[in-house]
Amino acid sequence: MRRPQLDIQLKTPEQIEKMRAAGLVVAEALRRMREAVAPGVSTADLDAIAETTIRAAGAVPSFKGYHGFPASICSSVNEQIVHAIPSPKQVLVDGDLISIDCGAVLDGWHGDAAITVGVGEVDPALLRMAKVAEDAMWAGIAAAARGAASGKGRLTDISHAVERAVRKAGRYGIVDGYGGHGIGTEMHQDPHVLNHGRPGKGPRLVPGLALAIEPMITMGSPRTAELADGWTVVTRDGSRAAHVEHSMALLPDGVWVLTAFDGGRARLGDLVTARQPSATRAG
């Protein structure tokens, strides 16, 4: 089923179940990488963990080979915002902040999520920025759930909720030009989901809509530059950045955070669909 103008793919509940399976593969890969982050570990080491975990689950890393990208994760350290290529030469040190973005495709359906993790002893201000990004992501997901439940929600309600949460928390840069997206049988689908904007605009939030919500914020200016490798996006002023992401889907009775082990219940409570059991799955 397609919506006019934008090519938005609405999913059936059965298709969302398949996306959930892919999402859990991503969740497990991120869990293992989070545990492995430490001084002396290279971003190539983390990439190997992701690839092994994804393939052991019968899935395929969705990033590897995507428009020529050479790895299974994006591993963005400090001033790197997104899309950094893992390397054995990029060795983590005490005080680093790393964003790990991971995707997997299982039975033709995609999962996509990202975390930001501190390495060793990290400046508390940086850890707070990472928490602000995460809280803003959950605010956006909650806005989607409430908008769908009311029947009046629009896409930019998510954008507005993300921006409001970040602005309320402090003076952070909200990266422009990069954001969330539809997800399903392709990793990137319509619509694009900005992390800022006025509410009440864009396509309606309806059951079957599946989106990846991914705030990216900085300690300084939101202006970006792309490095010569054609992938890595950095802050122009060298300030540190945080990036988090979950894939979610709207169902008739609530939202399902497909890349969270508990489906989002700990953060969203009764906004979560009954298809997600109450008990939190052990990671």
Protein backbone atom coordinates (compact mmCIF):
# COMPACT_ATOMS: atom_id res chain seq x y z
CA MET A 1 0.00 0.00 0.00
CA ARG A 2 1.47 3.36 -1.03
CA ARG A 3 0.63 6.89 -0.03
CA PRO A 4 0.55 9.56 -2.77
CA GLN A 5 3.32 12.14 -3.37
CA LEU A 6 5.96 10.64 -1.10
CA ASP A 7 6.57 6.96 -1.74
CA ILE A 8 5.65 5.79 1.77
CA GLN A 9 5.41 2.06 2.30
CA LEU A 10 2.85 1.08 4.92
CA LYS A 11 3.42 -2.32 6.54
CA THR A 12 0.98 -4.96 7.67
CA PRO A 13 1.21 -6.25 11.25
CA GLU A 14 2.73 -9.46 9.87
CA GLN A 15 5.42 -7.51 8.03
CA ILE A 16 6.15 -5.53 11.18
CA GLU A 17 6.68 -8.84 12.99
CA LYS A 18 9.41 -9.60 10.44
CA MET A 19 10.94 -6.19 11.00
CA ARG A 20 10.95 -6.90 14.72
CA ALA A 21 13.07 -9.99 14.08
CA ALA A 22 15.60 -7.89 12.16
CA GLY A 23 15.47 -5.25 14.87
CA LEU A 24 16.39 -7.77 17.56
CA VAL A 25 19.45 -8.82 15.56
CA VAL A 26 20.57 -5.18 15.54
CA ALA A 27 19.81 -4.84 19.26
CA GLU A 28 21.97 -7.84 20.08
CA ALA A 29 24.86 -6.60 17.94
CA LEU A 30 24.74 -3.21 19.63
CA ARG A 31 24.57 -4.84 23.07
CA ARG A 32 27.73 -6.81 22.37
CA MET A 33 29.55 -3.80 20.98
CA ARG A 34 28.54 -1.64 23.95
CA GLU A 35 30.06 -4.24 26.26
CA ALA A 36 33.25 -4.33 24.18
CA VAL A 37 33.87 -0.56 24.10
CA ALA A 38 37.02 0.17 26.12
CA PRO A 39 40.38 1.92 25.78
CA GLY A 40 42.61 -0.01 23.39
CA VAL A 41 39.74 -1.42 21.31
CA SER A 42 39.73 -0.38 17.67
CA THR A 43 36.65 0.51 15.67
CA ALA A 44 37.57 -2.38 13.35
CA ASP A 45 37.30 -4.70 16.39
CA LEU A 46 33.75 -3.44 16.97
CA ASP A 47 32.92 -3.91 13.31
CA ALA A 48 34.04 -7.55 13.51
CA ILE A 49 31.75 -8.12 16.51
CA ALA A 50 28.81 -6.69 14.59
CA GLU A 51 29.41 -8.75 11.48
CA THR A 52 29.84 -11.97 13.44
CA THR A 53 26.70 -11.36 15.49
CA ILE A 54 24.56 -10.42 12.50
CA ARG A 55 25.63 -13.34 10.33
CA ALA A 56 25.30 -15.83 13.20
CA ALA A 57 21.63 -14.81 13.42
CA GLY A 58 21.11 -15.64 9.74
CA ALA A 59 20.99 -11.98 8.77
CA VAL A 60 23.19 -9.80 6.57
CA PRO A 61 24.82 -6.47 7.54
CA SER A 62 22.77 -3.90 5.66
CA PHE A 63 25.51 -1.25 5.68
CA LYS A 64 28.19 -3.41 4.04
CA GLY A 65 28.30 -2.63 0.33
CA TYR A 66 25.58 0.04 0.60
CA HIS A 67 26.63 2.53 -2.09
CA GLY A 68 30.11 1.07 -1.65
CA PHE A 69 30.35 1.44 2.15
CA PRO A 70 33.04 -1.06 3.23
CA ALA A 71 31.94 -2.08 6.73
CA SER A 72 29.08 -3.44 8.85
CA ILE A 73 28.86 -0.43 11.19
CA CYS A 74 29.48 3.30 11.20
CA SER A 75 31.79 4.11 14.11
CA SER A 76 31.93 7.87 14.68
CA VAL A 77 34.33 9.08 17.37
CA ASN A 78 34.29 12.49 19.09
CA GLU A 79 33.86 15.21 16.42
CA GLN A 80 32.71 12.60 13.89
CA ILE A 81 28.90 12.74 13.74
CA VAL A 82 27.87 9.92 11.41
CA HIS A 83 29.06 7.52 8.70
CA ALA A 84 32.66 7.11 9.87
CA ILE A 85 34.35 3.99 8.49
CA PRO A 86 35.77 1.52 11.04
CA SER A 87 39.54 1.15 10.98
CA PRO A 88 42.20 -0.81 12.88
CA LYS A 89 44.03 2.52 13.16
CA GLN A 90 41.12 4.15 15.03
CA VAL A 91 41.89 2.92 18.54
CA LEU A 92 39.67 4.16 21.35
CA VAL A 93 41.26 6.01 24.26
CA ASP A 94 40.04 7.08 27.67
CA GLY A 95 37.62 10.00 27.36
CA ASP A 96 36.41 9.28 23.83
CA LEU A 97 32.76 9.37 22.86
CA ILE A 98 31.75 6.92 20.13
CA SER A 99 28.53 6.60 18.15
CA ILE A 100 27.92 3.12 16.75
CA ASP A 101 25.32 2.83 13.99
CA CYS A 102 24.32 -0.68 12.94
CA GLY A 103 21.89 -2.24 10.49
CA ALA A 104 20.82 -5.75 9.53
CA VAL A 105 18.50 -7.27 6.96
CA LEU A 106 16.69 -10.51 7.77
CA ASP A 107 14.32 -12.22 5.34
CA GLY A 108 14.24 -9.05 3.27
CA TRP A 109 13.38 -6.68 6.14
CA HIS A 110 15.66 -4.09 7.72
CA GLY A 111 16.51 -3.01 11.25
CA ASP A 112 18.59 0.10 12.01
CA ALA A 113 19.72 1.60 15.34
CA ALA A 114 22.55 3.58 16.91
CA ILE A 115 24.00 4.19 20.36
CA THR A 116 26.50 6.68 21.76
CA VAL A 117 28.90 5.28 24.36
CA GLY A 118 31.61 6.81 26.54
CA VAL A 119 35.06 5.20 26.63
CA GLY A 120 36.51 4.83 30.12
CA GLU A 121 36.42 8.04 32.17
CA VAL A 122 34.45 10.58 30.14
CA ASP A 123 33.64 14.23 30.75
CA PRO A 124 30.19 14.22 32.42
CA ALA A 125 29.10 17.02 30.08
CA LEU A 126 29.61 14.70 27.12
CA LEU A 127 27.67 11.90 28.76
CA ARG A 128 24.87 14.36 29.46
CA MET A 129 24.81 15.35 25.79
CA ALA A 130 24.44 11.68 24.85
CA LYS A 131 21.56 11.36 27.32
CA VAL A 132 19.90 14.48 25.90
CA ALA A 133 20.04 12.94 22.43
CA GLU A 134 18.54 9.69 23.73
CA ASP A 135 15.79 11.46 25.64
CA ALA A 136 14.97 13.51 22.54
CA MET A 137 14.71 10.34 20.48
CA TRP A 138 12.23 8.87 22.96
CA ALA A 139 10.27 12.13 22.95
CA GLY A 140 9.98 11.85 19.19
CA ILE A 141 8.82 8.24 19.37
CA ALA A 142 6.25 9.12 22.04
CA ALA A 143 4.96 11.96 19.87
CA ALA A 144 4.51 9.51 17.00
CA ALA A 145 2.56 7.11 19.20
CA ARG A 146 0.30 9.83 20.59
CA GLY A 147 -0.24 11.35 17.17
CA ALA A 148 -1.28 8.02 15.68
CA ALA A 149 -3.57 7.28 18.62
CA SER A 150 -5.35 10.62 18.27
CA GLY A 151 -5.73 10.26 14.53
CA LYS A 152 -4.47 13.82 14.13
CA GLY A 153 -0.70 13.34 14.20
CA ARG A 154 1.58 14.54 11.43
CA LEU A 155 5.18 13.66 10.64
CA THR A 156 6.67 16.93 11.86
CA ASP A 157 5.13 16.35 15.29
CA ILE A 158 8.08 13.96 15.73
CA SER A 159 10.57 16.56 14.52
CA HIS A 160 9.12 19.19 16.83
CA ALA A 161 9.20 16.87 19.85
CA VAL A 162 12.86 16.03 19.22
CA GLU A 163 13.81 19.69 18.85
CA ARG A 164 11.82 20.77 21.91
CA ALA A 165 13.49 18.13 24.09
CA VAL A 166 16.97 19.18 22.95
CA ARG A 167 16.31 22.92 23.31
CA LYS A 168 14.84 22.44 26.77
CA ALA A 169 17.94 20.53 27.90
CA GLY A 170 20.56 23.14 26.98
CA ARG A 171 22.51 24.87 24.25
CA TYR A 172 23.27 22.06 21.83
CA GLY A 173 23.60 22.15 18.08
CA ILE A 174 20.99 20.13 16.16
CA VAL A 175 22.61 18.80 13.01
CA ASP A 176 20.71 19.83 9.88
CA GLY A 177 20.42 17.85 6.67
CA TYR A 178 20.70 14.49 8.41
CA GLY A 179 17.90 12.74 10.23
CA GLY A 180 15.58 9.79 10.42
CA HIS A 181 13.80 7.98 7.62
CA GLY A 182 11.29 5.39 6.64
CA ILE A 183 12.47 1.80 6.84
CA GLY A 184 11.23 -1.58 5.62
CA THR A 185 12.23 -3.58 2.58
CA GLU A 186 14.92 -0.94 2.05
CA MET A 187 17.08 0.62 4.72
CA HIS A 188 16.17 4.16 3.65
CA GLN A 189 12.65 4.95 2.50
CA ASP A 190 10.36 7.96 2.46
CA PRO A 191 9.71 10.00 4.49
CA HIS A 192 12.78 11.87 5.70
CA VAL A 193 12.37 12.77 9.39
CA LEU A 194 14.06 16.01 10.40
CA ASN A 195 15.14 16.57 13.99
CA HIS A 196 13.66 20.06 14.09
CA GLY A 197 10.62 21.87 12.77
CA ARG A 198 7.11 23.09 13.39
CA PRO A 199 4.46 20.51 14.27
CA GLY A 200 1.41 19.60 12.24
CA LYS A 201 3.04 19.24 8.83
CA GLY A 202 3.65 16.37 6.45
CA PRO A 203 2.10 12.91 6.08
CA ARG A 204 -0.28 11.61 8.72
CA LEU A 205 0.97 9.28 11.42
CA VAL A 206 -0.99 6.10 10.78
CA PRO A 207 -0.76 2.39 11.60
CA GLY A 208 1.70 0.64 9.31
CA LEU A 209 4.17 3.52 9.24
CA ALA A 210 7.69 2.40 10.14
CA LEU A 211 10.40 4.97 10.85
CA ALA A 212 13.94 5.25 12.13
CA ILE A 213 14.17 8.18 14.57
CA GLU A 214 17.74 9.46 14.97
CA PRO A 215 18.72 12.72 16.64
CA MET A 216 22.25 14.02 16.08
CA ILE A 217 23.43 16.84 18.32
CA THR A 218 26.70 18.62 19.06
CA MET A 219 28.35 20.46 21.91
CA GLY A 220 28.91 23.43 19.60
CA SER A 221 27.91 24.52 16.12
CA PRO A 222 25.58 22.27 14.11
CA ARG A 223 27.54 22.99 10.90
CA THR A 224 29.08 19.94 9.28
CA ALA A 225 31.71 18.91 6.75
CA GLU A 226 32.30 15.66 4.88
CA LEU A 227 35.81 14.21 4.87
CA ALA A 228 37.73 13.16 1.78
CA ASP A 229 36.68 9.51 2.25
CA GLY A 230 33.25 10.54 0.98
CA TRP A 231 31.49 9.19 4.07
CA THR A 232 32.61 10.61 7.40
CA VAL A 233 30.62 13.66 8.53
CA VAL A 234 32.27 15.83 11.19
CA THR A 235 31.50 19.03 13.08
CA ARG A 236 33.15 22.00 11.42
CA ASP A 237 34.19 23.49 14.75
CA GLY A 238 35.63 20.24 16.12
CA SER A 239 33.04 19.95 18.88
CA ARG A 240 31.95 16.53 20.10
CA ALA A 241 28.76 14.96 18.79
CA ALA A 242 26.20 12.33 19.81
CA HIS A 243 23.95 10.21 17.60
CA VAL A 244 21.27 7.74 18.70
CA GLU A 245 18.61 5.86 16.76
CA HIS A 246 15.78 3.35 17.07
CA SER A 247 13.54 1.84 14.42
CA MET A 248 9.84 1.91 15.34
CA ALA A 249 6.51 0.99 13.81
CA LEU A 250 2.98 2.17 14.46
CA LEU A 251 0.26 -0.46 14.98
CA PRO A 252 -3.47 0.05 15.57
CA ASP A 253 -3.00 -0.27 19.34
CA GLY A 254 0.33 1.47 19.85
CA VAL A 255 3.97 1.82 18.90
CA TRP A 256 6.58 -0.94 18.71
CA VAL A 257 10.23 0.05 19.08
CA LEU A 258 11.62 -2.70 16.92
CA THR A 259 15.29 -2.33 17.89
CA ALA A 260 14.72 -2.16 21.67
CA PHE A 261 14.73 -5.49 23.53
CA ASP A 262 11.64 -4.48 25.51
CA GLY A 263 9.91 -2.92 22.52
CA GLY A 264 10.10 0.47 24.25
CA ARG A 265 7.95 -0.41 27.24
CA ALA A 266 10.35 0.91 29.90
CA ARG A 267 10.33 4.37 28.33
CA LEU A 268 6.85 4.48 26.78
CA GLY A 269 4.64 2.34 29.02
CA ASP A 270 1.11 1.88 27.73
CA LEU A 271 1.94 3.59 24.43
CA VAL A 272 3.54 0.29 23.39
CA THR A 273 1.47 -2.22 21.42
CA ALA A 274 0.11 -5.32 23.13
CA ARG A 275 2.09 -7.36 20.58
CA GLN A 276 5.13 -6.57 22.72
CA PRO A 277 5.09 -8.67 25.92
CA SER A 278 5.27 -6.82 29.22
CA ALA A 279 8.39 -8.63 30.38
CA THR A 280 11.68 -7.16 29.25
CA ARG A 281 13.72 -9.56 27.18
CA ALA A 282 17.13 -10.18 28.71
CA GLY A 283 19.89 -8.78 26.56
